[in-house]
Amino acid sequence: MTDWIGETFCSTVGWDHLETLADIDHRMAGSEGERLGAEATRDVLADVGARDARLETFDLQGWTRGDSGVHHPESGASYDSIALPRSPGGTVEAEFVDLGYGLPEDFDAADVEGKLVMVASNVPSYHDRLIHRREKYYYAVEAGAAGFVFRNHVEGQLPPTGSVGRPDHPIGEIPTVGVSKEVGAALGRRFDGEPLRVRVDADVHDATSQNVHAELGPETDERVLVSAHLDGHDIGEGAMDDGAGTATMVEIARALATREGELDTRVEFVGFGSEEVGLCGSQYHAEVCDPSSVKAIVNLDGVVRGRTLQFFTHTFDELEAAASRMANRYDHPVRIIPREGFRGDQWPLVREGVPGYFVSGVRDSEGRGYGHTSADTLDKLDVRNLREQSILLTDLVVDLADAETVIPHRDRADVAASFEAEGRSEGMKIVGEWPYA
């Protein structure tokens, strides 16, 4: 009964696949590299015993990075930057304003119309919630800013990436670049209130992405989804975000193939494409599947980078109980966060009332750490974490697939009311992701 645990702890399947993904030049949404990663994931899922491993393609708003720059016209000083995905191309020369953290109240207190605005990638410790990059970007857009500079809070000369755009307008409204903490500090110190020039070159084009599907267990109408996203950014390996999630999904599939007789419910593995530019793959999947057929979704995004797993349960008591049971069985610490969340590929289903986890690793660093930078590389990860977490998550999926585990869906009005009660609706509305009347 426990042989699968030892086999998982000795397995190299997941880690080998992680190396395969990291060694692809890049897996940017809609790129050839993303497709190579999807094909490799499909093939390894079939190799470990999952059935009907396949790709499902969908159309995508493509975006390819060109050059970018930040320049002070008077002194001639130039600074390194990278364009944020789905930034429009163009050049902006305007008065530069350093808005610090870029909290809503910072925008309320400043006149940024026609100006070039810089904000940090983090929030102060006293603030009650994370304010996402896209939320800050659209505060700037709505306030009439001419351009946007996103400053990393992590040391190491690491300009951050991360997309802008809204679901109904996938290319952003104003040019935007990311700069390192060190460059941002220099810009704020030297040029606040002076003219700066930001230039973005980018190619906007039609593209195609794909989701990977495979299955184990009985062919029931109801299914438990185990998911991760296949794409990464074009500036690095994307090992943590989310190569590790995809590798863990593969390792869970390998382990479950040896326990398939214990499954009462079909388990479907889904590698989503193009998460980094707006949850495109999971949004497409939610449109073509029947949400009522999904018993639960376990979305892996940012696992392995910390030894302890954390679970956003989206206020589903039954999901909290299942994670607690798993932790108690193995006497292993986990962090359970019984709150809502609209980041991650579980969101397009959770917003329809489907029970869902967002699973990541607890880490000491604030915010993304090395995520969304060129430092998101394989050497930051530990194979022990991948193996241990695959054991824990495999057992969790078996529990969720058990016929005696009942997890009622919620209705849309209840989900909306919960987000409103937590004060999370404002951020969703400004980025165009509030799906409720």
Protein backbone atom coordinates (compact mmCIF):
# COMPACT_ATOMS: atom_id res chain seq x y z
CA MET A 1 0.00 0.00 0.00
CA THR A 2 2.92 2.38 0.56
CA ASP A 3 5.32 1.20 -2.16
CA TRP A 4 4.22 4.15 -4.31
CA ILE A 5 5.66 6.55 -1.73
CA GLY A 6 9.15 5.09 -2.01
CA GLU A 7 8.84 4.93 -5.78
CA THR A 8 7.84 8.61 -5.92
CA PHE A 9 10.67 9.66 -3.64
CA CYS A 10 13.14 7.87 -5.93
CA SER A 11 11.50 8.89 -9.21
CA THR A 12 13.35 11.09 -11.70
CA VAL A 13 10.41 11.51 -14.08
CA GLY A 14 9.21 14.89 -12.80
CA TRP A 15 12.66 16.40 -12.39
CA ASP A 16 13.78 15.16 -15.80
CA HIS A 17 10.76 16.85 -17.32
CA LEU A 18 11.54 20.05 -15.43
CA GLU A 19 15.01 20.02 -16.98
CA THR A 20 13.45 19.49 -20.41
CA LEU A 21 11.23 22.55 -19.96
CA ALA A 22 14.04 24.71 -18.55
CA ASP A 23 16.33 23.83 -21.46
CA ILE A 24 13.87 25.12 -24.08
CA ASP A 25 15.02 28.55 -25.21
CA HIS A 26 11.82 30.07 -23.81
CA ARG A 27 8.15 29.17 -23.53
CA MET A 28 6.53 32.55 -24.17
CA ALA A 29 2.80 32.41 -24.85
CA GLY A 30 2.09 31.59 -28.48
CA SER A 31 5.73 30.78 -29.29
CA GLU A 32 7.36 27.71 -30.80
CA GLY A 33 9.01 27.10 -27.43
CA GLU A 34 5.64 26.98 -25.69
CA ARG A 35 4.46 24.41 -28.21
CA LEU A 36 7.62 22.31 -27.71
CA GLY A 37 6.97 22.33 -23.97
CA ALA A 38 3.35 21.30 -24.53
CA GLU A 39 4.33 18.45 -26.84
CA ALA A 40 6.95 17.20 -24.36
CA THR A 41 4.36 17.32 -21.56
CA ARG A 42 1.82 15.42 -23.64
CA ASP A 43 4.39 12.75 -24.45
CA VAL A 44 5.59 12.23 -20.86
CA LEU A 45 2.00 12.01 -19.57
CA ALA A 46 1.40 9.23 -22.09
CA ASP A 47 4.67 7.56 -21.11
CA VAL A 48 3.70 7.38 -17.41
CA GLY A 49 0.40 5.69 -18.25
CA ALA A 50 -2.19 8.45 -18.62
CA ARG A 51 -4.62 7.84 -21.47
CA ASP A 52 -5.76 10.03 -24.33
CA ALA A 53 -2.83 12.46 -23.99
CA ARG A 54 -3.49 15.21 -26.51
CA LEU A 55 -3.15 18.88 -27.41
CA GLU A 56 -6.11 21.23 -27.79
CA THR A 57 -5.29 24.42 -29.67
CA PHE A 58 -6.86 27.85 -29.41
CA ASP A 59 -6.29 31.27 -30.96
CA LEU A 60 -4.31 33.88 -29.07
CA GLN A 61 -3.39 37.54 -29.29
CA GLY A 62 0.33 37.20 -29.96
CA TRP A 63 3.00 39.62 -28.76
CA THR A 64 6.73 39.51 -29.42
CA ARG A 65 9.26 41.61 -27.54
CA GLY A 66 11.53 44.05 -29.32
CA ASP A 67 13.94 46.58 -27.83
CA SER A 68 13.05 49.07 -25.13
CA GLY A 69 14.79 51.88 -23.33
CA VAL A 70 14.61 54.60 -20.70
CA HIS A 71 16.46 57.80 -21.57
CA HIS A 72 16.98 61.21 -19.95
CA PRO A 73 17.02 63.67 -22.86
CA GLU A 74 18.89 66.45 -21.05
CA SER A 75 21.83 64.46 -19.65
CA GLY A 76 21.84 61.72 -22.27
CA ALA A 77 21.73 59.04 -19.54
CA SER A 78 20.21 55.71 -20.59
CA TYR A 79 18.99 52.86 -18.41
CA ASP A 80 18.28 49.18 -18.98
CA SER A 81 14.66 48.08 -19.13
CA ILE A 82 12.45 45.39 -20.63
CA ALA A 83 9.02 45.89 -22.15
CA LEU A 84 6.14 44.33 -20.25
CA PRO A 85 4.29 41.75 -22.37
CA ARG A 86 1.32 43.15 -24.28
CA SER A 87 2.59 46.69 -23.94
CA PRO A 88 1.80 48.69 -27.05
CA GLY A 89 4.78 49.94 -28.98
CA GLY A 90 5.62 53.61 -28.98
CA THR A 91 7.73 56.37 -27.47
CA VAL A 92 6.66 58.57 -24.57
CA GLU A 93 8.52 61.67 -23.44
CA ALA A 94 6.88 63.22 -20.40
CA GLU A 95 7.43 64.44 -16.87
CA PHE A 96 8.54 61.54 -14.68
CA VAL A 97 6.71 60.88 -11.39
CA ASP A 98 7.85 58.33 -8.80
CA LEU A 99 4.67 57.19 -7.02
CA GLY A 100 6.38 54.84 -4.59
CA TYR A 101 4.27 51.76 -3.99
CA GLY A 102 1.51 52.92 -6.34
CA LEU A 103 -1.33 52.32 -3.88
CA PRO A 104 -4.81 53.58 -4.84
CA GLU A 105 -4.39 56.47 -2.41
CA ASP A 106 -1.06 57.39 -4.04
CA PHE A 107 -2.84 57.85 -7.36
CA ASP A 108 -5.68 59.76 -5.68
CA ALA A 109 -3.20 62.20 -4.16
CA ALA A 110 -1.15 62.86 -7.32
CA ASP A 111 -1.74 64.47 -10.68
CA VAL A 112 -0.32 61.99 -13.20
CA GLU A 113 -2.26 63.03 -16.30
CA GLY A 114 0.07 63.08 -19.28
CA LYS A 115 3.00 61.96 -17.15
CA LEU A 116 5.29 58.96 -16.95
CA VAL A 117 4.56 57.07 -13.72
CA MET A 118 6.84 54.66 -11.84
CA VAL A 119 5.55 52.28 -9.14
CA ALA A 120 7.12 49.47 -7.13
CA SER A 121 6.31 45.77 -7.51
CA ASN A 122 5.48 45.32 -3.81
CA VAL A 123 3.21 46.89 -1.22
CA PRO A 124 4.06 48.09 2.31
CA SER A 125 3.80 45.60 5.16
CA TYR A 126 0.89 47.50 6.70
CA HIS A 127 -1.27 47.24 3.58
CA ASP A 128 -4.17 44.82 3.82
CA ARG A 129 -3.83 43.17 0.40
CA LEU A 130 -1.51 42.63 -2.53
CA ILE A 131 -2.00 45.09 -5.36
CA HIS A 132 -1.11 43.34 -8.57
CA ARG A 133 1.00 44.88 -11.34
CA ARG A 134 -1.94 45.06 -13.73
CA GLU A 135 -4.06 46.82 -11.13
CA LYS A 136 -1.40 49.50 -10.67
CA TYR A 137 -1.05 49.81 -14.44
CA TYR A 138 -4.76 50.48 -14.86
CA TYR A 139 -4.83 52.98 -12.02
CA ALA A 140 -2.25 54.82 -14.11
CA VAL A 141 -4.26 54.39 -17.31
CA GLU A 142 -7.50 55.60 -15.71
CA ALA A 143 -5.67 58.60 -14.25
CA GLY A 144 -4.50 59.62 -17.73
CA ALA A 145 -0.82 58.68 -17.46
CA ALA A 146 1.15 58.63 -20.71
CA GLY A 147 3.46 55.77 -19.75
CA PHE A 148 4.21 53.31 -16.95
CA VAL A 149 7.45 52.08 -15.35
CA PHE A 150 7.32 49.00 -13.11
CA ARG A 151 10.18 48.89 -10.60
CA ASN A 152 11.28 45.63 -9.02
CA HIS A 153 11.66 45.49 -5.23
CA VAL A 154 14.13 42.57 -5.40
CA GLU A 155 17.84 43.37 -5.44
CA GLY A 156 20.19 42.07 -8.10
CA GLN A 157 19.78 44.20 -11.25
CA LEU A 158 16.67 42.20 -12.22
CA PRO A 159 14.11 44.07 -14.32
CA PRO A 160 10.73 42.34 -13.86
CA THR A 161 8.40 41.18 -16.57
CA GLY A 162 4.66 40.48 -16.42
CA SER A 163 1.80 41.24 -18.76
CA VAL A 164 -0.70 44.06 -19.02
CA GLY A 165 -3.95 44.15 -20.98
CA ARG A 166 -7.57 43.38 -20.19
CA PRO A 167 -9.64 40.40 -21.36
CA ASP A 168 -11.61 42.57 -23.78
CA HIS A 169 -8.56 44.64 -24.80
CA PRO A 170 -5.52 42.35 -24.67
CA ILE A 171 -2.98 44.97 -25.68
CA GLY A 172 -2.46 47.66 -23.06
CA GLU A 173 -3.26 51.33 -23.56
CA ILE A 174 0.08 52.99 -22.71
CA PRO A 175 3.71 51.91 -23.21
CA THR A 176 5.21 50.18 -20.17
CA VAL A 177 8.59 48.81 -19.14
CA GLY A 178 10.07 47.00 -16.17
CA VAL A 179 13.26 48.24 -14.48
CA SER A 180 15.40 46.77 -11.73
CA LYS A 181 15.29 47.98 -8.14
CA GLU A 182 18.64 49.64 -8.64
CA VAL A 183 17.65 51.43 -11.85
CA GLY A 184 14.34 52.50 -10.31
CA ALA A 185 16.14 53.96 -7.30
CA ALA A 186 18.42 55.96 -9.57
CA LEU A 187 15.53 57.23 -11.70
CA GLY A 188 13.56 58.33 -8.64
CA ARG A 189 16.54 60.03 -7.06
CA ARG A 190 17.78 61.81 -10.15
CA PHE A 191 14.80 62.60 -12.33
CA ASP A 192 11.57 62.87 -10.34
CA GLY A 193 9.75 65.86 -11.84
CA GLU A 194 11.96 65.99 -14.95
CA PRO A 195 11.27 64.77 -18.51
CA LEU A 196 12.13 61.15 -19.28
CA ARG A 197 11.69 59.18 -22.49
CA VAL A 198 10.46 55.58 -22.60
CA ARG A 199 10.57 53.61 -25.84
CA VAL A 200 8.95 50.24 -26.52
CA ASP A 201 9.24 48.18 -29.68
CA ALA A 202 6.87 45.22 -29.91
CA ASP A 203 5.22 43.14 -32.61
CA VAL A 204 1.50 42.46 -32.17
CA HIS A 205 0.23 39.54 -34.26
CA ASP A 206 -2.13 36.58 -34.40
CA ALA A 207 -0.89 33.42 -32.69
CA THR A 208 -1.93 29.96 -31.51
CA SER A 209 -1.49 28.34 -28.13
CA GLN A 210 -2.53 24.97 -26.73
CA ASN A 211 -3.66 23.10 -23.64
CA VAL A 212 -2.47 19.57 -22.85
CA HIS A 213 -4.99 16.98 -21.60
CA ALA A 214 -4.62 13.43 -20.29
CA GLU A 215 -6.67 11.21 -17.95
CA LEU A 216 -6.54 8.44 -15.36
CA GLY A 217 -9.19 6.55 -13.42
CA PRO A 218 -12.73 5.51 -14.30
CA GLU A 219 -14.50 7.23 -17.17
CA THR A 220 -16.98 9.07 -14.98
CA ASP A 221 -18.77 12.20 -16.11
CA GLU A 222 -17.47 13.97 -13.01
CA ARG A 223 -13.73 14.67 -12.81
CA VAL A 224 -11.04 16.15 -10.61
CA LEU A 225 -8.68 18.45 -12.50
CA VAL A 226 -4.96 18.67 -11.72
CA SER A 227 -3.45 21.62 -13.56
CA ALA A 228 -0.37 23.75 -14.09
CA HIS A 229 0.63 26.21 -16.78
CA LEU A 230 3.05 25.39 -19.55
CA ASP A 231 4.22 28.82 -20.61
CA GLY A 232 6.89 31.06 -19.15
CA HIS A 233 8.38 34.41 -19.98
CA ASP A 234 10.92 34.93 -22.73
CA ILE A 235 13.64 36.33 -20.47
CA GLY A 236 14.57 33.13 -18.61
CA GLU A 237 13.99 29.46 -17.93
CA GLY A 238 10.66 29.79 -16.11
CA ALA A 239 11.75 26.96 -13.82
CA MET A 240 9.80 28.07 -10.75
CA ASP A 241 6.98 29.71 -12.68
CA ASP A 242 5.73 27.32 -13.76
CA GLY A 243 8.02 24.58 -14.97
CA ALA A 244 7.98 23.15 -11.46
CA GLY A 245 4.18 23.04 -11.43
CA THR A 246 4.08 21.16 -14.73
CA ALA A 247 6.80 18.75 -13.55
CA THR A 248 4.87 18.09 -10.32
CA MET A 249 1.69 17.45 -12.31
CA VAL A 250 3.61 14.86 -14.35
CA GLU A 251 4.98 13.22 -11.20
CA ILE A 252 1.48 13.05 -9.70
CA ALA A 253 0.27 11.38 -12.89
CA ARG A 254 3.09 8.81 -12.65
CA ALA A 255 2.20 8.04 -9.02
CA LEU A 256 -1.55 7.91 -9.64
CA ALA A 257 -1.05 5.49 -12.52
CA THR A 258 0.12 2.98 -9.90
CA ARG A 259 -2.93 3.73 -7.72
CA GLU A 260 -5.52 3.99 -10.48
CA GLY A 261 -7.71 1.29 -8.91
CA GLU A 262 -8.25 3.53 -5.86
CA LEU A 263 -9.83 6.32 -7.90
CA ASP A 264 -13.64 6.59 -7.78
CA THR A 265 -13.65 9.66 -10.04
CA ARG A 266 -11.85 10.44 -13.26
CA VAL A 267 -8.70 12.55 -12.78
CA GLU A 268 -7.89 14.85 -15.70
CA PHE A 269 -4.49 16.48 -16.04
CA VAL A 270 -4.50 19.83 -17.83
CA GLY A 271 -1.42 21.80 -18.78
CA PHE A 272 -2.73 25.25 -19.59
CA GLY A 273 -1.17 27.42 -22.27
CA SER A 274 -0.61 31.16 -22.10
CA GLU A 275 -1.34 31.75 -18.43
CA GLU A 276 1.20 34.56 -18.20
CA VAL A 277 -0.67 36.82 -20.60
CA GLY A 278 -4.10 36.61 -19.00
CA LEU A 279 -5.10 33.02 -18.09
CA CYS A 280 -5.86 32.43 -21.77
CA GLY A 281 -5.69 28.63 -21.75
CA SER A 282 -7.79 28.17 -18.64
CA GLN A 283 -10.29 30.75 -19.87
CA TYR A 284 -10.64 28.82 -23.12
CA HIS A 285 -11.06 25.56 -21.20
CA ALA A 286 -13.77 27.06 -18.99
CA GLU A 287 -15.68 28.15 -22.09
CA VAL A 288 -15.65 24.72 -23.74
CA CYS A 289 -16.16 22.47 -20.69
CA ASP A 290 -19.15 22.01 -18.40
CA PRO A 291 -18.17 23.51 -15.01
CA SER A 292 -20.77 21.36 -13.26
CA SER A 293 -18.80 18.26 -14.29
CA VAL A 294 -15.68 19.41 -12.40
CA LYS A 295 -15.68 18.13 -8.83
CA ALA A 296 -12.62 20.21 -7.92
CA ILE A 297 -9.52 21.74 -9.48
CA VAL A 298 -6.04 21.52 -7.93
CA ASN A 299 -3.94 24.20 -9.66
CA LEU A 300 -0.18 24.03 -9.12
CA ASP A 301 1.62 27.34 -9.66
CA GLY A 302 4.83 28.08 -7.80
CA VAL A 303 5.23 24.74 -6.02
CA VAL A 304 8.70 23.30 -5.23
CA ARG A 305 10.37 26.69 -4.62
CA GLY A 306 9.56 26.31 -0.91
CA ARG A 307 9.48 23.09 1.09
CA THR A 308 6.09 23.81 2.71
CA LEU A 309 2.97 23.86 0.53
CA GLN A 310 0.32 26.53 0.87
CA PHE A 311 -3.26 26.19 -0.28
CA PHE A 312 -5.67 28.99 -1.14
CA THR A 313 -9.02 27.25 -0.64
CA HIS A 314 -11.33 30.01 -1.92
CA THR A 315 -13.38 29.65 1.29
CA PHE A 316 -14.46 26.05 0.50
CA ASP A 317 -14.54 24.40 3.92
CA GLU A 318 -14.39 20.93 2.36
CA LEU A 319 -11.15 21.80 0.54
CA GLU A 320 -9.64 23.07 3.78
CA ALA A 321 -10.65 19.82 5.49
CA ALA A 322 -9.14 17.67 2.72
CA ALA A 323 -5.81 19.50 2.85
CA SER A 324 -5.78 19.17 6.64
CA ARG A 325 -6.46 15.43 6.40
CA MET A 326 -3.55 15.02 4.02
CA ALA A 327 -1.21 17.01 6.25
CA ASN A 328 -2.23 15.01 9.31
CA ARG A 329 -1.74 11.66 7.56
CA TYR A 330 1.87 12.55 6.83
CA ASP A 331 2.50 14.73 9.89
CA HIS A 332 3.70 17.35 7.44
CA PRO A 333 3.21 21.11 7.87
CA VAL A 334 1.12 23.00 5.32
CA ARG A 335 -0.25 26.51 5.23
CA ILE A 336 -3.96 26.81 4.51
CA ILE A 337 -5.31 30.21 3.45
CA PRO A 338 -9.14 30.13 3.52
CA ARG A 339 -9.54 33.19 1.29
CA GLU A 340 -10.55 33.99 -2.25
CA GLY A 341 -8.10 34.55 -5.06
CA PHE A 342 -8.46 35.42 -8.73
CA ARG A 343 -4.88 34.90 -9.87
CA GLY A 344 -4.14 31.52 -11.34
CA ASP A 345 -5.68 29.05 -13.73
CA GLN A 346 -8.26 27.84 -11.23
CA TRP A 347 -10.03 31.22 -11.41
CA PRO A 348 -12.08 30.79 -14.62
CA LEU A 349 -13.74 27.74 -13.00
CA VAL A 350 -13.80 28.99 -9.40
CA ARG A 351 -15.70 32.09 -10.47
CA GLU A 352 -18.46 29.76 -11.71
CA GLY A 353 -18.63 28.11 -8.28
CA VAL A 354 -16.27 25.16 -8.88
CA PRO A 355 -14.26 24.18 -5.77
CA GLY A 356 -10.63 25.02 -6.40
CA TYR A 357 -7.19 25.22 -4.84
CA PHE A 358 -4.34 27.51 -5.79
CA VAL A 359 -1.30 25.57 -4.57
CA SER A 360 2.16 27.12 -4.25
CA GLY A 361 5.20 26.91 -2.02
CA VAL A 362 5.74 29.01 1.09
CA ARG A 363 8.87 31.14 0.67
CA ASP A 364 10.68 33.63 2.85
CA SER A 365 11.02 36.35 0.22
CA GLU A 366 8.41 39.05 -0.26
CA GLY A 367 6.28 38.89 -3.39
CA ARG A 368 7.50 36.82 -6.35
CA GLY A 369 11.15 36.77 -5.34
CA TYR A 370 13.04 35.69 -8.45
CA GLY A 371 9.81 34.99 -10.31
CA HIS A 372 9.20 36.95 -13.53
CA THR A 373 12.93 37.74 -13.83
CA SER A 374 15.87 36.19 -15.64
CA ALA A 375 16.88 34.63 -12.29
CA ASP A 376 13.96 32.15 -12.37
CA THR A 377 16.31 29.26 -13.07
CA LEU A 378 16.55 25.57 -12.27
CA ASP A 379 19.38 25.97 -9.75
CA LYS A 380 16.99 27.68 -7.32
CA LEU A 381 14.95 24.48 -6.93
CA ASP A 382 15.44 21.28 -4.92
CA VAL A 383 14.47 17.84 -6.23
CA ARG A 384 13.58 16.80 -2.65
CA ASN A 385 10.79 19.37 -2.59
CA LEU A 386 9.38 18.13 -5.88
CA ARG A 387 9.31 14.54 -4.66
CA GLU A 388 7.88 15.28 -1.21
CA GLN A 389 5.21 17.58 -2.57
CA SER A 390 4.26 15.08 -5.27
CA ILE A 391 3.64 12.47 -2.55
CA LEU A 392 1.44 14.84 -0.55
CA LEU A 393 -0.49 16.08 -3.57
CA THR A 394 -1.02 12.60 -4.99
CA ASP A 395 -2.67 11.58 -1.74
CA LEU A 396 -4.77 14.74 -1.75
CA VAL A 397 -6.04 13.99 -5.27
CA VAL A 398 -6.97 10.43 -4.27
CA ASP A 399 -8.95 11.90 -1.35
CA LEU A 400 -10.74 14.38 -3.63
CA ALA A 401 -11.56 11.62 -6.11
CA ASP A 402 -13.08 9.44 -3.37
CA ALA A 403 -16.83 8.97 -3.73
CA GLU A 404 -17.30 9.80 -0.05
CA THR A 405 -15.63 13.20 -0.41
CA VAL A 406 -18.47 15.59 -1.20
CA ILE A 407 -17.65 19.20 -2.09
CA PRO A 408 -20.73 21.26 -2.99
CA HIS A 409 -20.38 23.87 -5.70
CA ARG A 410 -21.27 27.49 -4.94
CA ASP A 411 -23.49 29.77 -6.99
CA ARG A 412 -22.08 32.83 -8.72
CA ALA A 413 -23.83 35.27 -6.40
CA ASP A 414 -22.20 33.66 -3.38
CA VAL A 415 -18.75 33.85 -4.97
CA ALA A 416 -19.29 37.51 -5.86
CA ALA A 417 -20.48 38.35 -2.34
CA SER A 418 -17.43 36.63 -0.86
CA PHE A 419 -15.04 38.68 -3.00
CA GLU A 420 -16.90 41.85 -2.08
CA ALA A 421 -16.70 40.98 1.62
CA GLU A 422 -12.94 40.46 1.37
CA GLY A 423 -12.47 43.79 -0.40
CA ARG A 424 -11.05 42.16 -3.51
CA SER A 425 -13.59 43.31 -6.05
CA GLU A 426 -12.00 46.75 -6.61
CA GLY A 427 -8.83 45.29 -8.04
CA MET A 428 -10.76 42.88 -10.23
CA LYS A 429 -12.94 45.62 -11.64
CA ILE A 430 -10.09 47.98 -12.57
CA VAL A 431 -8.39 45.23 -14.62
CA GLY A 432 -11.64 44.15 -16.29
CA GLU A 433 -11.88 40.77 -14.57
CA TRP A 434 -15.05 41.23 -12.53
CA PRO A 435 -17.46 38.77 -14.21
CA TYR A 436 -20.53 39.56 -12.14
CA ALA A 437 -23.33 42.04 -12.70
